[in-house]
Amino acid sequence: MNWPQEEFGDVTITEAELGQGKKADGKLLIKDRIADIMFQQMLLRPDEFDVIAAPNLNGDYLSDAVAAEVGGVGIAPGANIADYVAVFEATPWHRAQVR
């Protein structure tokens, strides 16, 4: 697995690099977090996050938590993106099942 800063180093910068005095110069800032800290920060400081990239399980509960902040999972769209295929959805499938 390649870390984003390894694969996209010319357009990204890490928090550690900023702390060492490097300038962002329009690069994307990568905030590497463990899931429980990310969960807390998203709920307490949502304005710090524009895009969240996470593995499947973590991404599922993180996106549900953030969607709850704006009114529920029916309000927040989602995307599942792989190397050669992508699925975009208005709501997570397990929440949108018709009963």
N, C-alpha and C. Protein backbone atom coordinates (compact mmCIF):
# COMPACT_ATOMS: atom_id res chain seq x y z
N MET A 1 0.84 -1.18 0.00
CA MET A 1 0.00 0.00 0.00
C MET A 1 0.88 1.24 0.00
N ASN A 2 0.58 2.16 -0.89
CA ASN A 2 1.30 3.42 -0.94
C ASN A 2 0.57 4.47 -0.11
N TRP A 3 1.32 5.19 0.68
CA TRP A 3 0.74 6.31 1.41
C TRP A 3 0.55 7.44 0.41
N PRO A 4 -0.48 8.26 0.58
CA PRO A 4 -0.74 9.35 -0.39
C PRO A 4 0.47 10.26 -0.59
N GLN A 5 1.19 10.56 0.47
CA GLN A 5 2.34 11.45 0.32
C GLN A 5 3.46 10.81 -0.50
N GLU A 6 3.52 9.48 -0.56
CA GLU A 6 4.51 8.81 -1.39
C GLU A 6 4.10 8.86 -2.87
N GLU A 7 2.83 8.62 -3.12
CA GLU A 7 2.35 8.56 -4.50
C GLU A 7 2.09 9.95 -5.08
N PHE A 8 1.65 10.89 -4.25
CA PHE A 8 1.29 12.23 -4.72
C PHE A 8 2.11 13.31 -4.01
N GLY A 9 3.37 13.04 -3.76
CA GLY A 9 4.23 13.95 -3.01
C GLY A 9 4.36 15.34 -3.59
N ASP A 10 4.20 15.46 -4.91
CA ASP A 10 4.35 16.77 -5.53
C ASP A 10 3.14 17.69 -5.30
N VAL A 11 2.00 17.12 -4.90
CA VAL A 11 0.80 17.94 -4.68
C VAL A 11 0.26 17.86 -3.25
N THR A 12 0.98 17.14 -2.37
CA THR A 12 0.52 17.01 -0.98
C THR A 12 1.62 17.44 -0.02
N ILE A 13 1.20 17.74 1.21
CA ILE A 13 2.13 18.07 2.28
C ILE A 13 1.55 17.51 3.58
N THR A 14 2.40 17.04 4.45
CA THR A 14 1.93 16.50 5.72
C THR A 14 2.05 17.55 6.82
N GLU A 15 1.37 17.30 7.92
CA GLU A 15 1.47 18.21 9.07
C GLU A 15 2.90 18.26 9.60
N ALA A 16 3.60 17.13 9.55
CA ALA A 16 4.99 17.10 10.01
C ALA A 16 5.87 18.01 9.16
N GLU A 17 5.64 17.99 7.86
CA GLU A 17 6.42 18.86 6.96
C GLU A 17 6.13 20.34 7.22
N LEU A 18 4.88 20.66 7.52
CA LEU A 18 4.55 22.04 7.87
C LEU A 18 5.27 22.46 9.14
N GLY A 19 5.33 21.54 10.11
CA GLY A 19 6.02 21.82 11.37
C GLY A 19 7.51 22.02 11.20
N GLN A 20 8.07 21.46 10.13
CA GLN A 20 9.50 21.62 9.85
C GLN A 20 9.79 22.88 9.06
N GLY A 21 8.76 23.67 8.80
CA GLY A 21 8.96 24.95 8.12
C GLY A 21 8.68 24.96 6.64
N LYS A 22 8.27 23.84 6.05
CA LYS A 22 7.94 23.83 4.63
C LYS A 22 6.66 24.61 4.41
N LYS A 23 6.52 25.20 3.25
CA LYS A 23 5.34 25.98 2.91
C LYS A 23 4.36 25.11 2.12
N ALA A 24 3.07 25.33 2.38
CA ALA A 24 2.03 24.53 1.72
C ALA A 24 1.94 24.87 0.24
N ASP A 25 2.03 26.13 -0.13
CA ASP A 25 2.00 26.58 -1.53
C ASP A 25 0.91 25.91 -2.35
N GLY A 26 -0.32 25.89 -1.85
CA GLY A 26 -1.45 25.33 -2.58
C GLY A 26 -1.54 23.82 -2.59
N LYS A 27 -0.70 23.14 -1.83
CA LYS A 27 -0.75 21.68 -1.79
C LYS A 27 -1.87 21.21 -0.86
N LEU A 28 -2.30 19.98 -1.05
CA LEU A 28 -3.29 19.37 -0.17
C LEU A 28 -2.62 18.93 1.12
N LEU A 29 -3.21 19.30 2.25
CA LEU A 29 -2.67 18.92 3.55
C LEU A 29 -3.21 17.56 3.94
N ILE A 30 -2.31 16.62 4.24
CA ILE A 30 -2.70 15.29 4.69
C ILE A 30 -2.64 15.25 6.20
N LYS A 31 -3.80 14.96 6.81
CA LYS A 31 -3.88 14.80 8.25
C LYS A 31 -4.06 13.31 8.53
N ASP A 32 -2.98 12.65 8.91
CA ASP A 32 -3.01 11.21 9.17
C ASP A 32 -3.48 11.00 10.60
N ARG A 33 -4.62 10.31 10.79
CA ARG A 33 -5.21 10.12 12.10
C ARG A 33 -5.64 8.68 12.30
N ILE A 34 -5.63 8.22 13.57
CA ILE A 34 -6.28 6.95 13.86
C ILE A 34 -7.78 7.24 13.98
N ALA A 35 -8.57 6.22 13.77
CA ALA A 35 -10.01 6.41 13.59
C ALA A 35 -10.71 7.06 14.78
N ASP A 36 -10.38 6.68 16.01
CA ASP A 36 -11.12 7.25 17.14
C ASP A 36 -10.83 8.74 17.33
N ILE A 37 -9.61 9.17 17.07
CA ILE A 37 -9.28 10.59 17.15
C ILE A 37 -9.95 11.35 16.01
N MET A 38 -9.96 10.74 14.82
CA MET A 38 -10.61 11.34 13.67
C MET A 38 -12.10 11.54 13.95
N PHE A 39 -12.72 10.54 14.54
CA PHE A 39 -14.14 10.61 14.89
C PHE A 39 -14.40 11.82 15.80
N GLN A 40 -13.60 11.97 16.83
CA GLN A 40 -13.77 13.08 17.77
C GLN A 40 -13.54 14.43 17.07
N GLN A 41 -12.49 14.54 16.29
CA GLN A 41 -12.18 15.81 15.64
C GLN A 41 -13.24 16.20 14.61
N MET A 42 -13.79 15.22 13.91
CA MET A 42 -14.84 15.54 12.93
C MET A 42 -16.07 16.09 13.62
N LEU A 43 -16.41 15.59 14.80
CA LEU A 43 -17.59 16.07 15.50
C LEU A 43 -17.36 17.40 16.20
N LEU A 44 -16.14 17.61 16.72
CA LEU A 44 -15.86 18.84 17.45
C LEU A 44 -15.39 19.98 16.54
N ARG A 45 -14.69 19.65 15.46
CA ARG A 45 -14.14 20.68 14.57
C ARG A 45 -14.37 20.31 13.10
N PRO A 46 -15.61 20.20 12.66
CA PRO A 46 -15.88 19.75 11.30
C PRO A 46 -15.37 20.72 10.23
N ASP A 47 -15.19 21.97 10.57
CA ASP A 47 -14.73 22.95 9.58
C ASP A 47 -13.29 22.70 9.13
N GLU A 48 -12.56 21.83 9.82
CA GLU A 48 -11.17 21.53 9.45
C GLU A 48 -11.08 20.47 8.35
N PHE A 49 -12.20 19.88 7.94
CA PHE A 49 -12.17 18.77 6.98
C PHE A 49 -12.99 19.10 5.75
N ASP A 50 -12.35 18.99 4.58
CA ASP A 50 -13.04 19.17 3.31
C ASP A 50 -13.31 17.83 2.65
N VAL A 51 -12.33 16.93 2.71
CA VAL A 51 -12.42 15.60 2.11
C VAL A 51 -11.88 14.60 3.11
N ILE A 52 -12.55 13.46 3.21
CA ILE A 52 -12.09 12.39 4.10
C ILE A 52 -11.90 11.15 3.26
N ALA A 53 -10.71 10.59 3.30
CA ALA A 53 -10.41 9.33 2.61
C ALA A 53 -10.11 8.30 3.70
N ALA A 54 -10.87 7.21 3.73
CA ALA A 54 -10.72 6.22 4.80
C ALA A 54 -11.01 4.83 4.25
N PRO A 55 -10.46 3.80 4.89
CA PRO A 55 -10.81 2.43 4.50
C PRO A 55 -12.31 2.18 4.70
N ASN A 56 -12.80 1.12 4.13
CA ASN A 56 -14.23 0.82 4.09
C ASN A 56 -14.93 0.87 5.44
N LEU A 57 -14.49 0.10 6.42
CA LEU A 57 -15.18 0.06 7.71
C LEU A 57 -15.12 1.41 8.42
N ASN A 58 -13.93 1.98 8.54
CA ASN A 58 -13.80 3.27 9.21
C ASN A 58 -14.56 4.35 8.46
N GLY A 59 -14.48 4.33 7.16
CA GLY A 59 -15.19 5.32 6.35
C GLY A 59 -16.69 5.25 6.54
N ASP A 60 -17.21 4.04 6.73
CA ASP A 60 -18.65 3.87 6.91
C ASP A 60 -19.15 4.55 8.18
N TYR A 61 -18.52 4.26 9.31
CA TYR A 61 -19.05 4.88 10.53
C TYR A 61 -18.66 6.35 10.65
N LEU A 62 -17.53 6.74 10.08
CA LEU A 62 -17.18 8.17 10.09
C LEU A 62 -18.17 8.96 9.24
N SER A 63 -18.51 8.46 8.07
CA SER A 63 -19.46 9.18 7.21
C SER A 63 -20.85 9.23 7.83
N ASP A 64 -21.27 8.17 8.51
CA ASP A 64 -22.57 8.19 9.19
C ASP A 64 -22.58 9.23 10.31
N ALA A 65 -21.49 9.34 11.06
CA ALA A 65 -21.41 10.30 12.15
C ALA A 65 -21.46 11.73 11.62
N VAL A 66 -20.73 11.99 10.56
CA VAL A 66 -20.73 13.34 9.99
C VAL A 66 -22.09 13.65 9.37
N ALA A 67 -22.72 12.68 8.74
CA ALA A 67 -24.04 12.90 8.17
C ALA A 67 -25.05 13.25 9.25
N ALA A 68 -24.92 12.65 10.42
CA ALA A 68 -25.82 12.96 11.54
C ALA A 68 -25.70 14.42 11.96
N GLU A 69 -24.53 15.00 11.76
CA GLU A 69 -24.31 16.40 12.11
C GLU A 69 -25.12 17.36 11.23
N VAL A 70 -25.45 16.92 10.01
CA VAL A 70 -26.17 17.80 9.08
C VAL A 70 -27.61 17.37 8.84
N GLY A 71 -28.09 16.40 9.59
CA GLY A 71 -29.49 16.04 9.47
C GLY A 71 -29.77 14.59 9.15
N GLY A 72 -28.76 13.77 8.96
CA GLY A 72 -28.98 12.35 8.72
C GLY A 72 -28.33 11.86 7.46
N VAL A 73 -28.25 10.54 7.33
CA VAL A 73 -27.56 9.95 6.19
C VAL A 73 -28.27 10.21 4.87
N GLY A 74 -29.55 10.53 4.89
CA GLY A 74 -30.27 10.86 3.67
C GLY A 74 -29.85 12.18 3.07
N ILE A 75 -29.16 12.99 3.82
CA ILE A 75 -28.73 14.31 3.37
C ILE A 75 -27.33 14.26 2.75
N ALA A 76 -26.47 13.38 3.24
CA ALA A 76 -25.06 13.36 2.85
C ALA A 76 -24.78 12.32 1.77
N PRO A 77 -24.27 12.75 0.60
CA PRO A 77 -23.93 11.78 -0.44
C PRO A 77 -22.66 11.02 -0.09
N GLY A 78 -22.43 9.90 -0.76
CA GLY A 78 -21.23 9.11 -0.53
C GLY A 78 -20.62 8.66 -1.84
N ALA A 79 -19.36 8.23 -1.76
CA ALA A 79 -18.68 7.71 -2.94
C ALA A 79 -17.75 6.59 -2.52
N ASN A 80 -17.74 5.52 -3.29
CA ASN A 80 -16.82 4.40 -3.10
C ASN A 80 -15.96 4.33 -4.35
N ILE A 81 -14.68 4.63 -4.21
CA ILE A 81 -13.82 4.77 -5.38
C ILE A 81 -12.68 3.76 -5.32
N ALA A 82 -12.56 2.95 -6.35
CA ALA A 82 -11.47 1.98 -6.47
C ALA A 82 -10.57 2.40 -7.62
N ASP A 83 -9.68 1.52 -8.03
CA ASP A 83 -8.75 1.86 -9.11
C ASP A 83 -9.44 2.03 -10.46
N TYR A 84 -10.40 1.15 -10.76
CA TYR A 84 -11.00 1.17 -12.10
C TYR A 84 -12.52 1.35 -12.11
N VAL A 85 -13.11 1.48 -10.95
CA VAL A 85 -14.56 1.62 -10.90
C VAL A 85 -14.92 2.49 -9.71
N ALA A 86 -16.05 3.18 -9.81
CA ALA A 86 -16.52 4.01 -8.70
C ALA A 86 -18.04 3.93 -8.62
N VAL A 87 -18.56 3.98 -7.40
CA VAL A 87 -20.00 3.99 -7.17
C VAL A 87 -20.31 5.22 -6.33
N PHE A 88 -21.20 6.04 -6.82
CA PHE A 88 -21.62 7.24 -6.10
C PHE A 88 -23.05 7.04 -5.65
N GLU A 89 -23.34 7.39 -4.41
CA GLU A 89 -24.67 7.12 -3.87
C GLU A 89 -25.16 8.29 -3.03
N ALA A 90 -26.45 8.49 -3.09
CA ALA A 90 -27.05 9.58 -2.32
C ALA A 90 -27.10 9.23 -0.84
N THR A 91 -27.29 7.96 -0.53
CA THR A 91 -27.31 7.51 0.86
C THR A 91 -26.60 6.17 0.94
N PRO A 92 -26.02 5.83 2.09
CA PRO A 92 -25.44 4.49 2.24
C PRO A 92 -26.51 3.43 2.01
N TRP A 93 -26.18 2.35 1.32
CA TRP A 93 -27.16 1.34 0.93
C TRP A 93 -27.89 0.72 2.11
N HIS A 94 -27.21 0.53 3.22
CA HIS A 94 -27.86 -0.14 4.34
C HIS A 94 -28.88 0.76 5.04
N ARG A 95 -28.84 2.04 4.79
CA ARG A 95 -29.82 2.97 5.36
C ARG A 95 -30.99 3.21 4.42
N ALA A 96 -30.78 2.95 3.14
CA ALA A 96 -31.80 3.33 2.15
C ALA A 96 -32.70 2.17 1.74
N GLN A 97 -32.58 1.04 2.38
CA GLN A 97 -33.41 -0.10 1.99
C GLN A 97 -34.89 0.21 2.26
N VAL A 98 -35.71 -0.13 1.28
CA VAL A 98 -37.14 0.06 1.42
C VAL A 98 -37.71 -1.14 2.15
N ARG A 99 -38.53 -0.90 3.15
CA ARG A 99 -39.12 -2.02 3.91
C ARG A 99 -40.57 -2.14 3.65
